[in-house]
Protein backbone atom coordinates (compact mmCIF):
# COMPACT_ATOMS: atom_id res chain seq x y z
CA UNK A 1 0.00 0.00 0.00
CA UNK A 2 2.76 2.44 0.89
CA UNK A 3 4.62 1.40 -2.26
CA UNK A 4 1.62 2.23 -4.45
CA UNK A 5 1.15 5.50 -2.61
CA UNK A 6 4.81 6.39 -3.09
CA UNK A 7 4.65 5.52 -6.80
CA UNK A 8 1.54 7.63 -7.44
CA UNK A 9 3.11 10.50 -5.52
CA UNK A 10 6.23 10.33 -7.71
CA UNK A 11 4.09 10.25 -10.85
CA UNK A 12 2.19 13.30 -9.62
CA UNK A 13 5.43 15.22 -8.99
CA UNK A 14 6.75 14.24 -12.43
CA UNK A 15 3.52 15.36 -14.08
CA UNK A 16 3.71 18.72 -12.30
CA UNK A 17 7.32 19.17 -13.44
CA UNK A 18 6.41 18.39 -17.07
CA UNK A 19 3.49 20.83 -16.95
CA UNK A 20 5.68 23.57 -15.42
CA UNK A 21 8.46 23.10 -17.98
CA UNK A 22 5.96 23.08 -20.85
CA UNK A 23 4.34 26.28 -19.58
CA UNK A 24 7.73 27.97 -19.29
CA UNK A 25 8.57 26.95 -22.87
CA UNK A 26 5.26 28.33 -24.11
CA UNK A 27 5.81 31.62 -22.31
CA UNK A 28 9.34 31.88 -23.71
CA UNK A 29 8.15 31.29 -27.28
CA UNK A 30 5.41 33.90 -26.86
CA UNK A 31 7.88 36.47 -25.58
CA UNK A 32 10.28 35.75 -28.45
CA UNK A 33 7.46 36.08 -31.01
CA UNK A 34 6.33 39.40 -29.55
CA UNK A 35 9.90 40.71 -29.43
CA UNK A 36 10.55 39.63 -33.02
CA UNK A 37 7.33 41.27 -34.23
CA UNK A 38 8.05 44.53 -32.45
CA UNK A 39 11.64 44.51 -33.75
CA UNK A 40 10.98 43.81 -37.46
CA UNK A 41 7.58 45.28 -38.21
CA UNK A 42 7.72 48.99 -38.93
CA UNK A 43 4.61 51.15 -38.60
CA UNK A 44 3.21 52.30 -41.94
CA UNK A 45 3.92 55.93 -42.76
CA UNK A 46 0.91 57.98 -43.73
CA UNK A 47 2.39 59.91 -46.64
CA UNK A 48 0.37 62.79 -48.04
CA UNK A 49 0.57 61.68 -51.66
CA UNK A 50 -2.09 64.04 -52.96
CA UNK A 51 -0.53 66.95 -51.09
CA UNK A 52 2.87 66.15 -52.58
CA UNK A 53 1.32 65.98 -56.04
CA UNK A 54 -0.38 69.36 -55.62
CA UNK A 55 2.88 70.89 -54.38
CA UNK A 56 4.65 69.50 -57.43
CA UNK A 57 2.03 70.96 -59.76
CA UNK A 58 2.26 74.38 -58.12
CA UNK A 59 6.05 74.32 -58.36
CA UNK A 60 6.40 73.25 -61.99
CA UNK A 61 3.23 72.39 -63.91
CA UNK A 62 0.46 74.93 -63.23
CA UNK A 63 -0.34 77.97 -65.39
CA UNK A 64 1.97 80.22 -63.36
CA UNK A 65 4.48 77.84 -61.74
CA UNK A 66 6.85 78.90 -59.01
CA UNK A 67 9.89 77.87 -61.10
CA UNK A 68 10.22 78.99 -64.72
CA UNK A 69 11.33 77.01 -67.79
CA UNK A 70 15.00 77.84 -67.31
CA UNK A 71 15.04 76.57 -63.73
CA UNK A 72 13.13 73.44 -64.76
CA UNK A 73 15.63 72.64 -67.51
CA UNK A 74 18.59 73.21 -65.21
CA UNK A 75 17.16 70.89 -62.54
CA UNK A 76 15.81 68.11 -64.75
CA UNK A 77 18.25 68.27 -67.69
CA UNK A 78 15.38 68.67 -70.17
CA UNK A 79 12.70 71.16 -71.11
CA UNK A 80 9.31 71.16 -69.42
CA UNK A 81 7.61 70.37 -72.74
CA UNK A 82 9.68 67.24 -73.32
CA UNK A 83 9.13 66.08 -69.74
CA UNK A 84 5.34 66.44 -70.04
CA UNK A 85 5.37 64.54 -73.32
CA UNK A 86 7.39 61.70 -71.80
CA UNK A 87 5.07 61.56 -68.78
CA UNK A 88 1.95 61.49 -70.96
CA UNK A 89 3.38 58.85 -73.30
CA UNK A 90 4.33 56.59 -70.40
CA UNK A 91 0.88 56.93 -68.82
CA UNK A 92 -0.72 56.15 -72.18
CA UNK A 93 1.30 52.99 -72.78
CA UNK A 94 2.15 51.54 -69.36
CA UNK A 95 -0.37 51.01 -66.53
CA UNK A 96 2.32 51.56 -63.88
CA UNK A 97 2.36 55.31 -64.66
CA UNK A 98 -1.40 55.71 -64.28
CA UNK A 99 -2.63 57.07 -60.96
CA UNK A 100 -4.86 54.41 -59.41
CA UNK A 101 -6.76 53.72 -56.23
CA UNK A 102 -5.81 50.78 -54.03
CA UNK A 103 -8.20 48.23 -52.49
CA UNK A 104 -8.14 50.27 -49.27
CA UNK A 105 -9.28 53.35 -51.26
CA UNK A 106 -5.90 55.09 -51.05
CA UNK A 107 -5.01 57.17 -54.07
CA UNK A 108 -1.65 56.16 -55.52
CA UNK A 109 1.15 58.28 -56.88
CA UNK A 110 0.62 60.19 -60.09
CA UNK A 111 2.59 59.57 -63.26
CA UNK A 112 4.26 62.95 -62.85
CA UNK A 113 5.55 61.99 -59.40
CA UNK A 114 6.96 58.71 -60.71
CA UNK A 115 8.63 60.44 -63.65
CA UNK A 116 10.04 63.19 -61.43
CA UNK A 117 11.74 60.73 -59.08
CA UNK A 118 13.15 58.81 -62.06
CA UNK A 119 14.67 61.91 -63.66
CA UNK A 120 16.02 63.15 -60.33
CA UNK A 121 17.75 59.83 -59.62
CA UNK A 122 19.32 59.75 -63.08
CA UNK A 123 20.25 63.43 -63.16
CA UNK A 124 21.70 63.73 -59.66
CA UNK A 125 22.84 60.13 -58.97
CA UNK A 126 21.07 60.11 -55.61
CA UNK A 127 19.83 57.43 -53.24
CA UNK A 128 16.39 56.06 -54.04
CA UNK A 129 14.88 57.51 -50.85
CA UNK A 130 16.45 60.98 -51.20
CA UNK A 131 13.18 62.53 -52.41
CA UNK A 132 10.88 61.13 -49.74
CA UNK A 133 10.47 64.48 -47.97
CA UNK A 134 9.42 66.28 -51.17
CA UNK A 135 7.61 63.64 -53.22
CA UNK A 136 6.43 61.51 -50.24
CA UNK A 137 7.65 58.38 -52.01
CA UNK A 138 9.29 55.40 -50.32
CA UNK A 139 12.61 53.99 -51.45
CA UNK A 140 10.89 50.97 -52.96
CA UNK A 141 8.48 53.09 -55.01
CA UNK A 142 11.37 55.23 -56.29
CA UNK A 143 13.26 52.11 -57.38
CA UNK A 144 10.13 50.68 -59.04
CA UNK A 145 9.63 53.95 -60.90
CA UNK A 146 13.20 53.90 -62.15
CA UNK A 147 13.01 50.27 -63.21
CA UNK A 148 9.73 50.68 -65.08
CA UNK A 149 10.99 53.83 -66.79
CA UNK A 150 14.07 52.01 -68.02
CA UNK A 151 11.96 49.13 -69.33
CA UNK A 152 9.60 51.56 -71.05
CA UNK A 153 12.46 53.47 -72.67
CA UNK A 154 14.03 50.30 -74.12
CA UNK A 155 12.19 49.74 -77.44
CA UNK A 156 11.15 46.20 -78.29
CA UNK A 157 12.64 46.59 -81.77
CA UNK A 158 16.10 47.06 -80.25
CA UNK A 159 16.00 44.15 -77.84
CA UNK A 160 17.21 41.66 -80.44
CA UNK A 161 20.52 43.48 -80.65
CA UNK A 162 21.38 42.50 -77.09
CA UNK A 163 19.65 39.13 -76.73
CA UNK A 164 21.22 35.72 -77.12
CA UNK A 165 19.53 32.33 -77.17
CA UNK A 166 21.54 31.12 -74.16
CA UNK A 167 20.52 34.06 -71.92
CA UNK A 168 17.07 35.05 -70.70
CA UNK A 169 17.70 38.80 -70.63
CA UNK A 170 19.72 41.36 -72.61
CA UNK A 171 23.50 40.93 -72.56
CA UNK A 172 26.61 42.92 -73.42
CA UNK A 173 30.19 41.81 -73.90
CA UNK A 174 32.66 43.50 -71.59
CA UNK A 175 36.40 43.79 -72.12
CA UNK A 176 38.13 44.98 -68.97
CA UNK A 177 41.66 45.38 -67.66
CA UNK A 178 42.28 45.24 -63.91
CA UNK A 179 45.44 45.24 -61.82
CA UNK A 180 46.23 43.30 -58.66
CA UNK A 181 45.03 46.17 -56.44
CA UNK A 182 41.55 45.77 -58.04
CA UNK A 183 41.86 49.02 -59.99
CA UNK A 184 39.95 48.75 -63.30
CA UNK A 185 42.10 50.54 -65.87
CA UNK A 186 39.94 50.05 -68.93
CA UNK A 187 36.42 48.85 -69.75
CA UNK A 188 34.76 48.48 -73.13
CA UNK A 189 31.19 47.37 -73.78
CA UNK A 190 29.93 45.97 -77.07
CA UNK A 191 27.16 43.85 -78.55
CA UNK A 192 27.61 40.23 -77.66
CA UNK A 193 26.82 38.79 -81.10
CA UNK A 194 29.14 41.22 -82.92
CA UNK A 195 32.13 40.65 -80.64
CA UNK A 196 34.12 37.78 -79.25
CA UNK A 197 37.46 37.64 -77.46
CA UNK A 198 39.27 38.27 -80.75
CA UNK A 199 36.99 40.72 -82.58
CA UNK A 200 36.57 42.89 -79.50
CA UNK A 201 40.27 43.84 -79.66
CA UNK A 202 39.68 45.45 -83.06
CA UNK A 203 36.62 47.47 -82.03
CA UNK A 204 37.76 48.49 -78.54
CA UNK A 205 40.06 51.39 -77.69
CA UNK A 206 42.40 49.35 -75.50
CA UNK A 207 45.56 50.12 -77.49
CA UNK A 208 44.57 53.49 -78.99
CA UNK A 209 46.81 55.48 -76.63
CA UNK A 210 49.75 53.21 -77.42
CA UNK A 211 49.22 53.62 -81.18
CA UNK A 212 48.79 57.39 -80.83
CA UNK A 213 51.93 57.66 -78.69
CA UNK A 214 50.16 59.21 -75.71
CA UNK A 215 50.13 56.20 -73.40
CA UNK A 216 51.82 56.59 -69.99
CA UNK A 217 55.30 55.16 -69.54
CA UNK A 218 54.95 51.51 -68.55
CA UNK A 219 58.45 50.31 -69.45
CA UNK A 220 60.04 47.67 -67.23
CA UNK A 221 63.02 45.31 -67.01
CA UNK A 222 62.83 41.52 -66.93
CA UNK A 223 65.95 39.31 -67.06
CA UNK A 224 68.06 42.37 -67.87
CA UNK A 225 65.91 43.14 -70.91
CA UNK A 226 63.98 46.42 -71.18
CA UNK A 227 60.42 46.23 -72.39
CA UNK A 228 58.93 49.49 -73.63
CA UNK A 229 55.26 48.73 -73.11
CA UNK A 230 53.30 46.97 -70.41
CA UNK A 231 51.62 43.65 -70.95
CA UNK A 232 48.24 42.04 -70.36
CA UNK A 233 47.64 38.53 -69.07
CA UNK A 234 45.13 36.69 -71.25
CA UNK A 235 43.91 33.18 -71.97
CA UNK A 236 44.81 31.13 -75.02
CA UNK A 237 42.12 32.38 -77.37
CA UNK A 238 43.72 35.80 -77.86
CA UNK A 239 46.07 36.45 -80.83
CA UNK A 240 49.86 36.32 -80.66
CA UNK A 241 50.60 39.95 -79.83
CA UNK A 242 53.72 41.13 -78.02
CA UNK A 243 51.68 42.94 -75.37
CA UNK A 244 49.50 39.88 -74.64
CA UNK A 245 51.06 37.24 -72.39
CA UNK A 246 49.12 34.00 -72.65
CA UNK A 247 49.24 30.89 -70.55
CA UNK A 248 50.87 27.65 -71.63
CA UNK A 249 48.44 24.94 -72.56
CA UNK A 250 50.81 21.97 -72.08
CA UNK A 251 53.85 22.82 -69.92
CA UNK A 252 56.49 20.11 -70.20
CA UNK A 253 58.85 21.07 -67.37
CA UNK A 254 58.75 22.51 -63.87
CA UNK A 255 59.70 26.02 -64.98
CA UNK A 256 56.89 26.24 -67.52
CA UNK A 257 54.45 24.68 -65.05
CA UNK A 258 55.42 27.30 -62.47
CA UNK A 259 54.85 30.06 -65.04
CA UNK A 260 51.45 28.61 -65.96
CA UNK A 261 50.31 28.57 -62.32
CA UNK A 262 51.51 32.13 -61.67
CA UNK A 263 50.02 33.48 -64.88
CA UNK A 264 46.62 31.90 -64.33
CA UNK A 265 46.44 32.87 -60.66
CA UNK A 266 47.38 36.49 -61.39
CA UNK A 267 44.93 36.58 -64.30
CA UNK A 268 42.19 35.97 -61.76
CA UNK A 269 42.58 39.60 -60.61
CA UNK A 270 39.91 40.67 -63.09
CA UNK A 271 37.49 38.09 -61.72
CA UNK A 272 38.39 39.17 -58.18
CA UNK A 273 37.69 42.81 -59.11
CA UNK A 274 34.23 41.97 -60.40
CA UNK A 275 33.64 39.72 -57.43
CA UNK A 276 34.08 42.78 -55.21
CA UNK A 277 31.60 44.68 -57.37
CA UNK A 278 29.08 41.87 -57.04
CA UNK A 279 29.54 41.80 -53.28
CA UNK A 280 29.61 45.52 -52.53
CA UNK A 281 27.56 46.91 -55.41
CA UNK A 282 28.44 49.39 -58.11
CA UNK A 283 30.20 52.67 -57.41
CA UNK A 284 26.95 54.51 -58.07
CA UNK A 285 25.34 54.36 -54.63
CA UNK A 286 21.82 55.11 -55.84
CA UNK A 287 21.72 52.05 -58.08
CA UNK A 288 22.97 49.39 -55.68
CA UNK A 289 19.50 48.02 -55.18
CA UNK A 290 18.71 48.04 -58.89
CA UNK A 291 21.73 47.26 -61.06
CA UNK A 292 23.12 43.74 -61.00
CA UNK A 293 26.21 42.13 -62.43
CA UNK A 294 25.75 38.61 -63.73
């Protein structure tokens, strides 16, 4: 009898411990969820979109605007007439630039506001949220406006010039020269179908300064021999030019194998330079969230 009583008492204590631990775990998870919600969820800003639109109209687009045509052209790098035509054409062709009402009956941004933020970002190279105080537009809306404007300004008839069957989007060929300190000395862009590693040397301006005799002095000594011009490390597809130092495809001794390893490892500087760009974004700070290197 006492054994049964002792056993049931132990079971009761164990049950109480399990219940207490479970309750503590539930309370902990609730506290973590509340803390996470309060930490990540930002309150929505009530931006006066209509007020910002009216202010914009009074400043630039009414019958007697505050700023005249000369001031408009200086600030937006185009005449007021051309800007209005662009805004009207975009609104007529692309739904994004039409002012609409959301499901919660909030009036959206006007086409003029979206065009203004696009031109300001391009003209002044600013951050996407730099015009929030004036246009009452979030960083995301400014980026969307820029992206849709670029898509609208890229005619369908021209897309074939930059499209290849092995890529989903438009492509360009890039010839670049970078040094070990990640400094990009030269960059040339061309159409992918019209250029390859060989043809791009003919169309680019890589050696124009050398031919014209205005290139900086890059002479150096190697094995007691003076070389007048610098050199570029390339792969095997490039032509046999004195300024192009290619790797060895089949080294047959230790010396040539050592050269091959050093040449190929140093040639990776260009890939390392673009790896930094991929990681840290382009030098233009306003386009870090929009432009991508693939």
